[in-house]
N, C-alpha and C. Protein backbone atom coordinates (compact mmCIF):
# COMPACT_ATOMS: atom_id res chain seq x y z
N ALA A 1 0.82 -1.20 0.00
CA ALA A 1 0.00 0.00 0.00
C ALA A 1 0.87 1.27 0.00
N THR A 2 2.06 1.20 0.57
CA THR A 2 2.89 2.40 0.64
C THR A 2 3.59 2.71 -0.69
N THR A 3 4.05 1.69 -1.41
CA THR A 3 4.67 1.90 -2.72
C THR A 3 4.07 0.89 -3.71
N PRO A 4 2.95 1.25 -4.31
CA PRO A 4 2.27 0.31 -5.23
C PRO A 4 2.97 0.21 -6.58
N ARG A 5 4.06 -0.57 -6.61
CA ARG A 5 4.85 -0.72 -7.82
C ARG A 5 5.16 -2.19 -8.06
N ILE A 6 5.21 -2.56 -9.32
CA ILE A 6 5.66 -3.91 -9.66
C ILE A 6 6.75 -3.87 -10.73
N GLY A 7 6.83 -2.79 -11.47
CA GLY A 7 7.80 -2.66 -12.55
C GLY A 7 9.23 -2.86 -12.10
N ASP A 8 9.58 -2.28 -10.95
CA ASP A 8 10.95 -2.41 -10.46
C ASP A 8 11.27 -3.85 -10.05
N ILE A 9 10.28 -4.55 -9.50
CA ILE A 9 10.49 -5.94 -9.08
C ILE A 9 10.65 -6.83 -10.31
N LEU A 10 9.74 -6.66 -11.28
CA LEU A 10 9.82 -7.46 -12.51
C LEU A 10 11.11 -7.19 -13.27
N GLN A 11 11.55 -5.96 -13.23
CA GLN A 11 12.78 -5.60 -13.93
C GLN A 11 13.97 -6.38 -13.36
N LYS A 12 13.99 -6.57 -12.05
CA LYS A 12 15.09 -7.31 -11.41
C LYS A 12 15.00 -8.81 -11.72
N LEU A 13 13.77 -9.34 -11.83
CA LEU A 13 13.59 -10.77 -12.03
C LEU A 13 13.51 -11.19 -13.50
N ALA A 14 13.18 -10.27 -14.37
CA ALA A 14 12.96 -10.60 -15.79
C ALA A 14 14.13 -11.29 -16.48
N PRO A 15 15.40 -10.92 -16.21
CA PRO A 15 16.50 -11.61 -16.90
C PRO A 15 16.51 -13.13 -16.66
N PHE A 16 15.99 -13.57 -15.52
CA PHE A 16 15.94 -15.00 -15.23
C PHE A 16 14.94 -15.74 -16.12
N LEU A 17 14.03 -14.99 -16.73
CA LEU A 17 13.01 -15.61 -17.58
C LEU A 17 13.60 -16.16 -18.88
N LYS A 18 14.79 -15.73 -19.25
CA LYS A 18 15.42 -16.23 -20.47
C LYS A 18 15.68 -17.73 -20.38
N MET A 19 15.85 -18.24 -19.17
CA MET A 19 16.11 -19.68 -19.02
C MET A 19 14.90 -20.51 -19.43
N TYR A 20 13.74 -19.90 -19.53
CA TYR A 20 12.56 -20.62 -19.99
C TYR A 20 12.74 -21.09 -21.42
N GLY A 21 13.58 -20.41 -22.18
CA GLY A 21 13.85 -20.84 -23.56
C GLY A 21 14.36 -22.27 -23.59
N GLU A 22 15.25 -22.60 -22.67
CA GLU A 22 15.78 -23.97 -22.59
C GLU A 22 14.68 -24.96 -22.25
N TYR A 23 13.82 -24.56 -21.32
CA TYR A 23 12.70 -25.42 -20.93
C TYR A 23 11.79 -25.65 -22.13
N VAL A 24 11.48 -24.57 -22.83
CA VAL A 24 10.57 -24.64 -23.98
C VAL A 24 11.18 -25.52 -25.09
N LYS A 25 12.50 -25.39 -25.30
CA LYS A 25 13.17 -26.19 -26.32
C LYS A 25 12.99 -27.69 -26.07
N ASN A 26 13.04 -28.08 -24.82
CA ASN A 26 12.97 -29.49 -24.46
C ASN A 26 11.57 -29.97 -24.10
N PHE A 27 10.59 -29.09 -24.18
CA PHE A 27 9.24 -29.40 -23.73
C PHE A 27 8.63 -30.59 -24.48
N ASP A 28 8.66 -30.56 -25.82
CA ASP A 28 8.06 -31.65 -26.60
C ASP A 28 8.71 -32.99 -26.28
N ASN A 29 10.02 -32.99 -26.17
CA ASN A 29 10.74 -34.21 -25.84
C ASN A 29 10.34 -34.73 -24.45
N ALA A 30 10.24 -33.81 -23.50
CA ALA A 30 9.85 -34.20 -22.13
C ALA A 30 8.43 -34.78 -22.11
N MET A 31 7.52 -34.14 -22.84
CA MET A 31 6.13 -34.65 -22.90
C MET A 31 6.10 -36.05 -23.52
N GLU A 32 6.91 -36.23 -24.55
CA GLU A 32 6.96 -37.53 -25.22
C GLU A 32 7.53 -38.60 -24.29
N LEU A 33 8.54 -38.22 -23.51
CA LEU A 33 9.13 -39.17 -22.55
C LEU A 33 8.12 -39.57 -21.47
N VAL A 34 7.36 -38.60 -20.98
CA VAL A 34 6.34 -38.91 -19.97
C VAL A 34 5.31 -39.87 -20.56
N LYS A 35 4.90 -39.59 -21.78
CA LYS A 35 3.92 -40.45 -22.46
C LYS A 35 4.47 -41.86 -22.64
N THR A 36 5.70 -41.95 -23.14
CA THR A 36 6.33 -43.25 -23.39
C THR A 36 6.45 -44.07 -22.12
N TRP A 37 6.96 -43.44 -21.04
CA TRP A 37 7.16 -44.19 -19.81
C TRP A 37 5.85 -44.50 -19.09
N THR A 38 4.84 -43.69 -19.31
CA THR A 38 3.52 -43.98 -18.75
C THR A 38 2.95 -45.23 -19.43
N GLU A 39 3.20 -45.35 -20.74
CA GLU A 39 2.73 -46.53 -21.48
C GLU A 39 3.58 -47.76 -21.20
N ARG A 40 4.88 -47.59 -21.05
CA ARG A 40 5.80 -48.72 -20.87
C ARG A 40 5.84 -49.28 -19.45
N SER A 41 5.75 -48.39 -18.48
CA SER A 41 5.98 -48.81 -17.10
C SER A 41 4.73 -48.61 -16.23
N PRO A 42 4.08 -49.70 -15.87
CA PRO A 42 2.91 -49.57 -14.98
C PRO A 42 3.28 -48.92 -13.64
N GLN A 43 4.49 -49.19 -13.17
CA GLN A 43 4.93 -48.59 -11.90
C GLN A 43 5.05 -47.07 -12.03
N PHE A 44 5.64 -46.60 -13.14
CA PHE A 44 5.75 -45.17 -13.39
C PHE A 44 4.36 -44.54 -13.48
N LYS A 45 3.48 -45.19 -14.23
CA LYS A 45 2.11 -44.70 -14.41
C LYS A 45 1.40 -44.60 -13.06
N PHE A 46 1.57 -45.61 -12.21
CA PHE A 46 0.93 -45.61 -10.89
C PHE A 46 1.47 -44.46 -10.03
N ILE A 47 2.78 -44.25 -10.05
CA ILE A 47 3.38 -43.18 -9.25
C ILE A 47 2.85 -41.82 -9.70
N ILE A 48 2.82 -41.60 -11.02
CA ILE A 48 2.31 -40.33 -11.56
C ILE A 48 0.85 -40.12 -11.16
N GLN A 49 0.04 -41.16 -11.32
CA GLN A 49 -1.37 -41.05 -10.95
C GLN A 49 -1.54 -40.79 -9.46
N ASP A 50 -0.71 -41.43 -8.67
CA ASP A 50 -0.76 -41.25 -7.21
C ASP A 50 -0.42 -39.80 -6.83
N ILE A 51 0.61 -39.26 -7.45
CA ILE A 51 1.01 -37.87 -7.18
C ILE A 51 -0.08 -36.90 -7.63
N GLN A 52 -0.67 -37.17 -8.79
CA GLN A 52 -1.71 -36.29 -9.33
C GLN A 52 -2.95 -36.22 -8.45
N LYS A 53 -3.14 -37.23 -7.61
CA LYS A 53 -4.30 -37.25 -6.70
C LYS A 53 -4.08 -36.34 -5.49
N GLU A 54 -2.83 -35.93 -5.26
CA GLU A 54 -2.52 -35.08 -4.12
C GLU A 54 -3.29 -33.76 -4.23
N LYS A 55 -3.73 -33.25 -3.10
CA LYS A 55 -4.50 -32.01 -3.07
C LYS A 55 -3.70 -30.85 -3.66
N VAL A 56 -2.39 -30.83 -3.40
CA VAL A 56 -1.54 -29.75 -3.88
C VAL A 56 -1.51 -29.67 -5.42
N CYS A 57 -1.82 -30.76 -6.11
CA CYS A 57 -1.83 -30.79 -7.58
C CYS A 57 -3.11 -30.20 -8.16
N GLY A 58 -4.10 -29.98 -7.33
CA GLY A 58 -5.34 -29.34 -7.78
C GLY A 58 -6.07 -30.12 -8.87
N ASN A 59 -6.03 -31.43 -8.80
CA ASN A 59 -6.69 -32.30 -9.78
C ASN A 59 -6.20 -32.09 -11.21
N LEU A 60 -4.96 -31.64 -11.36
CA LEU A 60 -4.39 -31.42 -12.68
C LEU A 60 -3.35 -32.50 -12.98
N THR A 61 -3.19 -32.81 -14.26
CA THR A 61 -2.23 -33.83 -14.67
C THR A 61 -0.80 -33.28 -14.65
N LEU A 62 0.16 -34.18 -14.69
CA LEU A 62 1.56 -33.78 -14.77
C LEU A 62 1.80 -32.96 -16.03
N GLN A 63 1.19 -33.38 -17.14
CA GLN A 63 1.36 -32.66 -18.40
C GLN A 63 0.85 -31.23 -18.29
N HIS A 64 -0.25 -31.05 -17.57
CA HIS A 64 -0.78 -29.70 -17.38
C HIS A 64 0.21 -28.84 -16.60
N HIS A 65 0.78 -29.41 -15.57
CA HIS A 65 1.78 -28.66 -14.78
C HIS A 65 3.03 -28.37 -15.61
N MET A 66 3.39 -29.29 -16.49
CA MET A 66 4.56 -29.08 -17.34
C MET A 66 4.31 -27.96 -18.36
N LEU A 67 3.07 -27.76 -18.74
CA LEU A 67 2.71 -26.72 -19.71
C LEU A 67 2.75 -25.31 -19.10
N GLU A 68 2.55 -25.21 -17.82
CA GLU A 68 2.50 -23.91 -17.14
C GLU A 68 3.70 -23.01 -17.45
N PRO A 69 4.95 -23.49 -17.32
CA PRO A 69 6.08 -22.60 -17.62
C PRO A 69 6.11 -22.12 -19.07
N VAL A 70 5.64 -22.95 -19.99
CA VAL A 70 5.61 -22.56 -21.41
C VAL A 70 4.68 -21.36 -21.60
N GLN A 71 3.59 -21.34 -20.85
CA GLN A 71 2.61 -20.27 -20.98
C GLN A 71 2.94 -19.05 -20.12
N ARG A 72 3.87 -19.18 -19.21
CA ARG A 72 4.14 -18.13 -18.24
C ARG A 72 4.65 -16.83 -18.86
N ILE A 73 5.66 -16.89 -19.69
CA ILE A 73 6.24 -15.66 -20.25
C ILE A 73 5.24 -14.90 -21.10
N PRO A 74 4.54 -15.57 -22.03
CA PRO A 74 3.52 -14.82 -22.78
C PRO A 74 2.44 -14.21 -21.87
N ARG A 75 2.12 -14.91 -20.80
CA ARG A 75 1.12 -14.39 -19.85
C ARG A 75 1.66 -13.16 -19.14
N TYR A 76 2.93 -13.19 -18.69
CA TYR A 76 3.53 -12.02 -18.05
C TYR A 76 3.55 -10.84 -19.01
N GLU A 77 3.91 -11.12 -20.26
CA GLU A 77 3.98 -10.06 -21.26
C GLU A 77 2.60 -9.42 -21.45
N MET A 78 1.58 -10.25 -21.58
CA MET A 78 0.22 -9.76 -21.77
C MET A 78 -0.26 -8.95 -20.56
N LEU A 79 0.00 -9.46 -19.36
CA LEU A 79 -0.43 -8.76 -18.14
C LEU A 79 0.30 -7.42 -17.98
N LEU A 80 1.56 -7.40 -18.31
CA LEU A 80 2.34 -6.16 -18.20
C LEU A 80 1.88 -5.11 -19.21
N LYS A 81 1.55 -5.55 -20.41
CA LYS A 81 1.01 -4.62 -21.43
C LYS A 81 -0.31 -4.03 -20.93
N ASP A 82 -1.15 -4.87 -20.37
CA ASP A 82 -2.44 -4.41 -19.84
C ASP A 82 -2.21 -3.45 -18.67
N TYR A 83 -1.25 -3.77 -17.81
CA TYR A 83 -0.91 -2.92 -16.67
C TYR A 83 -0.47 -1.54 -17.15
N LEU A 84 0.38 -1.50 -18.19
CA LEU A 84 0.86 -0.22 -18.72
C LEU A 84 -0.26 0.58 -19.38
N ARG A 85 -1.21 -0.11 -20.01
CA ARG A 85 -2.34 0.60 -20.63
C ARG A 85 -3.19 1.31 -19.57
N LYS A 86 -3.28 0.70 -18.41
CA LYS A 86 -4.12 1.25 -17.35
C LYS A 86 -3.36 2.15 -16.38
N LEU A 87 -2.05 2.14 -16.45
CA LEU A 87 -1.21 2.93 -15.55
C LEU A 87 -1.07 4.35 -16.08
N PRO A 88 -1.31 5.35 -15.25
CA PRO A 88 -1.11 6.74 -15.71
C PRO A 88 0.37 6.96 -16.07
N GLN A 89 0.63 7.69 -17.14
CA GLN A 89 2.00 7.88 -17.61
C GLN A 89 2.87 8.66 -16.64
N ASP A 90 2.25 9.37 -15.73
CA ASP A 90 3.04 10.11 -14.74
C ASP A 90 3.28 9.28 -13.48
N SER A 91 2.89 8.00 -13.51
CA SER A 91 3.08 7.11 -12.37
C SER A 91 4.57 6.88 -12.11
N LEU A 92 4.91 6.70 -10.84
CA LEU A 92 6.30 6.41 -10.46
C LEU A 92 6.77 5.07 -11.03
N ASP A 93 5.81 4.21 -11.35
CA ASP A 93 6.16 2.87 -11.83
C ASP A 93 6.24 2.79 -13.35
N TRP A 94 5.88 3.85 -14.05
CA TRP A 94 5.79 3.80 -15.52
C TRP A 94 7.09 3.37 -16.18
N LYS A 95 8.21 4.04 -15.87
CA LYS A 95 9.48 3.74 -16.53
C LYS A 95 9.96 2.32 -16.21
N ASP A 96 9.84 1.91 -14.95
CA ASP A 96 10.26 0.55 -14.57
C ASP A 96 9.38 -0.51 -15.23
N ALA A 97 8.09 -0.26 -15.28
CA ALA A 97 7.17 -1.22 -15.91
C ALA A 97 7.46 -1.32 -17.40
N GLU A 98 7.76 -0.19 -18.03
CA GLU A 98 8.08 -0.18 -19.46
C GLU A 98 9.38 -0.96 -19.73
N LYS A 99 10.37 -0.75 -18.88
CA LYS A 99 11.64 -1.47 -19.01
C LYS A 99 11.43 -2.96 -18.77
N SER A 100 10.60 -3.30 -17.80
CA SER A 100 10.29 -4.71 -17.52
C SER A 100 9.63 -5.36 -18.72
N LEU A 101 8.70 -4.65 -19.35
CA LEU A 101 8.02 -5.17 -20.53
C LEU A 101 9.04 -5.43 -21.65
N GLU A 102 9.97 -4.53 -21.81
CA GLU A 102 11.00 -4.70 -22.83
C GLU A 102 11.81 -5.96 -22.58
N ILE A 103 12.21 -6.18 -21.34
CA ILE A 103 13.01 -7.36 -20.98
C ILE A 103 12.19 -8.64 -21.14
N ILE A 104 10.94 -8.61 -20.69
CA ILE A 104 10.07 -9.79 -20.79
C ILE A 104 9.75 -10.10 -22.24
N SER A 105 9.55 -9.07 -23.05
CA SER A 105 9.31 -9.28 -24.48
C SER A 105 10.53 -9.93 -25.14
N THR A 106 11.71 -9.54 -24.71
CA THR A 106 12.94 -10.16 -25.22
C THR A 106 12.99 -11.64 -24.83
N ALA A 107 12.61 -11.93 -23.58
CA ALA A 107 12.59 -13.32 -23.12
C ALA A 107 11.56 -14.13 -23.91
N ALA A 108 10.41 -13.54 -24.19
CA ALA A 108 9.37 -14.21 -24.98
C ALA A 108 9.89 -14.49 -26.39
N SER A 109 10.56 -13.51 -26.95
CA SER A 109 11.14 -13.66 -28.28
C SER A 109 12.20 -14.77 -28.27
N HIS A 110 13.00 -14.81 -27.21
CA HIS A 110 14.04 -15.83 -27.06
C HIS A 110 13.41 -17.21 -27.00
N SER A 111 12.32 -17.36 -26.26
CA SER A 111 11.60 -18.65 -26.17
C SER A 111 11.05 -19.05 -27.51
N ASN A 112 10.42 -18.10 -28.21
CA ASN A 112 9.85 -18.39 -29.52
C ASN A 112 10.94 -18.79 -30.51
N SER A 113 12.09 -18.12 -30.42
CA SER A 113 13.21 -18.45 -31.28
C SER A 113 13.72 -19.86 -31.00
N ALA A 114 13.78 -20.22 -29.72
CA ALA A 114 14.21 -21.56 -29.34
C ALA A 114 13.26 -22.62 -29.89
N ILE A 115 11.97 -22.33 -29.84
CA ILE A 115 10.97 -23.26 -30.38
C ILE A 115 11.18 -23.42 -31.88
N ARG A 116 11.35 -22.30 -32.59
CA ARG A 116 11.54 -22.36 -34.04
C ARG A 116 12.80 -23.15 -34.41
N LYS A 117 13.89 -22.94 -33.66
CA LYS A 117 15.13 -23.66 -33.94
C LYS A 117 14.95 -25.16 -33.77
N MET A 118 14.25 -25.57 -32.71
CA MET A 118 14.02 -26.99 -32.48
C MET A 118 13.12 -27.57 -33.56
N GLU A 119 12.09 -26.84 -33.97
CA GLU A 119 11.21 -27.31 -35.04
C GLU A 119 11.99 -27.45 -36.34
N ASN A 120 12.89 -26.51 -36.60
CA ASN A 120 13.72 -26.55 -37.80
C ASN A 120 14.62 -27.78 -37.78
N LEU A 121 15.26 -28.05 -36.64
CA LEU A 121 16.13 -29.23 -36.55
C LEU A 121 15.34 -30.52 -36.70
N LYS A 122 14.12 -30.55 -36.16
CA LYS A 122 13.27 -31.75 -36.32
C LYS A 122 12.94 -31.96 -37.79
N LYS A 123 12.60 -30.89 -38.48
CA LYS A 123 12.26 -30.98 -39.90
C LYS A 123 13.47 -31.44 -40.70
N LEU A 124 14.66 -30.90 -40.40
CA LEU A 124 15.88 -31.34 -41.09
C LEU A 124 16.14 -32.82 -40.85
N LEU A 125 15.89 -33.29 -39.64
CA LEU A 125 16.07 -34.71 -39.33
C LEU A 125 15.09 -35.56 -40.14
N GLU A 126 13.84 -35.11 -40.28
CA GLU A 126 12.85 -35.83 -41.08
C GLU A 126 13.31 -35.90 -42.54
N ILE A 127 13.83 -34.79 -43.08
CA ILE A 127 14.30 -34.75 -44.46
C ILE A 127 15.50 -35.70 -44.62
N TYR A 128 16.41 -35.65 -43.66
CA TYR A 128 17.59 -36.52 -43.66
C TYR A 128 17.18 -37.99 -43.72
N GLU A 129 16.18 -38.36 -42.91
CA GLU A 129 15.70 -39.74 -42.90
C GLU A 129 14.99 -40.07 -44.21
N MET A 130 14.24 -39.11 -44.76
CA MET A 130 13.51 -39.31 -46.00
C MET A 130 14.48 -39.51 -47.18
N LEU A 131 15.62 -38.85 -47.14
CA LEU A 131 16.61 -38.96 -48.21
C LEU A 131 17.49 -40.20 -48.07
N GLY A 132 17.15 -41.05 -47.14
CA GLY A 132 17.92 -42.28 -46.96
C GLY A 132 19.21 -42.07 -46.21
N GLU A 133 19.30 -40.99 -45.48
CA GLU A 133 20.47 -40.68 -44.64
C GLU A 133 21.76 -40.66 -45.45
N GLU A 134 21.64 -40.22 -46.72
CA GLU A 134 22.81 -40.18 -47.60
C GLU A 134 23.79 -39.08 -47.23
N GLU A 135 23.28 -37.87 -46.98
CA GLU A 135 24.15 -36.75 -46.65
C GLU A 135 23.69 -36.15 -45.33
N ASP A 136 24.61 -35.93 -44.42
CA ASP A 136 24.25 -35.43 -43.10
C ASP A 136 23.93 -33.94 -43.17
N ILE A 137 22.64 -33.61 -43.15
CA ILE A 137 22.21 -32.21 -43.22
C ILE A 137 21.76 -31.70 -41.86
N VAL A 138 21.75 -32.60 -40.87
CA VAL A 138 21.29 -32.20 -39.54
C VAL A 138 22.43 -31.54 -38.80
N ASN A 139 22.37 -30.22 -38.77
CA ASN A 139 23.41 -29.42 -38.15
C ASN A 139 22.75 -28.14 -37.64
N PRO A 140 23.04 -27.72 -36.41
CA PRO A 140 22.39 -26.52 -35.88
C PRO A 140 22.60 -25.27 -36.75
N SER A 141 23.66 -25.25 -37.57
CA SER A 141 23.88 -24.08 -38.41
C SER A 141 23.07 -24.13 -39.70
N ASN A 142 22.54 -25.31 -40.04
CA ASN A 142 21.70 -25.43 -41.24
C ASN A 142 20.29 -24.99 -40.92
N GLU A 143 19.65 -24.41 -41.93
CA GLU A 143 18.29 -23.91 -41.73
C GLU A 143 17.46 -24.24 -42.96
N LEU A 144 16.28 -24.80 -42.75
CA LEU A 144 15.36 -25.06 -43.84
C LEU A 144 14.62 -23.76 -44.13
N ILE A 145 14.82 -23.24 -45.33
CA ILE A 145 14.21 -21.96 -45.70
C ILE A 145 12.84 -22.18 -46.33
N LYS A 146 12.79 -23.13 -47.26
CA LYS A 146 11.53 -23.39 -47.96
C LYS A 146 11.59 -24.78 -48.58
N GLU A 147 10.41 -25.35 -48.77
CA GLU A 147 10.33 -26.63 -49.46
C GLU A 147 9.04 -26.64 -50.27
N GLY A 148 9.05 -27.42 -51.35
CA GLY A 148 7.82 -27.53 -52.13
C GLY A 148 8.06 -28.02 -53.53
N GLN A 149 6.95 -28.21 -54.25
CA GLN A 149 6.96 -28.68 -55.63
C GLN A 149 7.50 -27.58 -56.55
N ILE A 150 8.31 -27.98 -57.52
CA ILE A 150 8.77 -27.07 -58.57
C ILE A 150 8.71 -27.81 -59.91
N LEU A 151 8.82 -27.07 -60.97
CA LEU A 151 8.92 -27.66 -62.30
C LEU A 151 10.32 -27.38 -62.84
N LYS A 152 11.00 -28.43 -63.28
CA LYS A 152 12.34 -28.28 -63.86
C LYS A 152 12.16 -28.30 -65.38
N LEU A 153 12.64 -27.26 -66.01
CA LEU A 153 12.55 -27.18 -67.47
C LEU A 153 13.83 -27.76 -68.07
N ALA A 154 13.67 -28.71 -68.97
CA ALA A 154 14.82 -29.30 -69.65
C ALA A 154 15.36 -28.30 -70.66
N ALA A 155 16.66 -28.17 -70.75
CA ALA A 155 17.29 -27.19 -71.63
C ALA A 155 17.07 -27.52 -73.10
N ARG A 156 17.06 -28.80 -73.43
CA ARG A 156 16.99 -29.20 -74.84
C ARG A 156 15.58 -29.07 -75.42
N ASN A 157 14.61 -29.73 -74.79
CA ASN A 157 13.29 -29.79 -75.40
C ASN A 157 12.23 -29.01 -74.63
N THR A 158 12.61 -28.23 -73.70
CA THR A 158 11.72 -27.39 -72.86
C THR A 158 10.56 -28.17 -72.23
N SER A 159 10.77 -29.47 -72.02
CA SER A 159 9.73 -30.23 -71.30
C SER A 159 9.90 -29.99 -69.80
N ALA A 160 8.79 -30.07 -69.09
CA ALA A 160 8.80 -29.80 -67.65
C ALA A 160 8.75 -31.11 -66.86
N GLN A 161 9.58 -31.18 -65.85
CA GLN A 161 9.60 -32.34 -64.98
C GLN A 161 9.33 -31.87 -63.55
N GLU A 162 8.43 -32.59 -62.87
CA GLU A 162 8.13 -32.21 -61.47
C GLU A 162 9.26 -32.66 -60.56
N ARG A 163 9.60 -31.80 -59.63
CA ARG A 163 10.61 -32.08 -58.61
C ARG A 163 10.11 -31.54 -57.28
N TYR A 164 10.70 -32.07 -56.21
CA TYR A 164 10.42 -31.55 -54.89
C TYR A 164 11.71 -30.96 -54.38
N LEU A 165 11.69 -29.69 -54.00
CA LEU A 165 12.90 -28.95 -53.65
C LEU A 165 12.95 -28.62 -52.16
N PHE A 166 14.12 -28.83 -51.58
CA PHE A 166 14.39 -28.40 -50.21
C PHE A 166 15.46 -27.32 -50.29
N LEU A 167 15.14 -26.13 -49.83
CA LEU A 167 16.09 -25.02 -49.86
C LEU A 167 16.57 -24.76 -48.45
């Protein structure tokens, strides 16, 4: 009640939100592992179900709890934007809240970038497997720009041949 501010607090904590990018990068793999071990191991499945029954879990599944951090940064960003819209510009918290939004938006962008990089590597791996694993194209520095049907025109007789191109 004496100093109604949150911008300064978020500004101090916001840099730690960048680590969510690592969590987000591994999220699909972690979900798949939980699914696999739940199907493979009755003991694992029983333990997970037993934990999920705990009052502290609020009747939510493990997967639901795992999704929370993925949604956290976009939620903070949205709430902070709303806070700034409603905050008078002459407020003592305006500059700190604005700076916090900038940092949180960077963290959100970092998370989204991490997701895109992982999706790109997955797609490259699929292409690598589809091509019979002839040439190793799976490399973090490689990027799939575009793929799709094209027509190759023969130089001699101008006939068109369909091809599928990976750029």
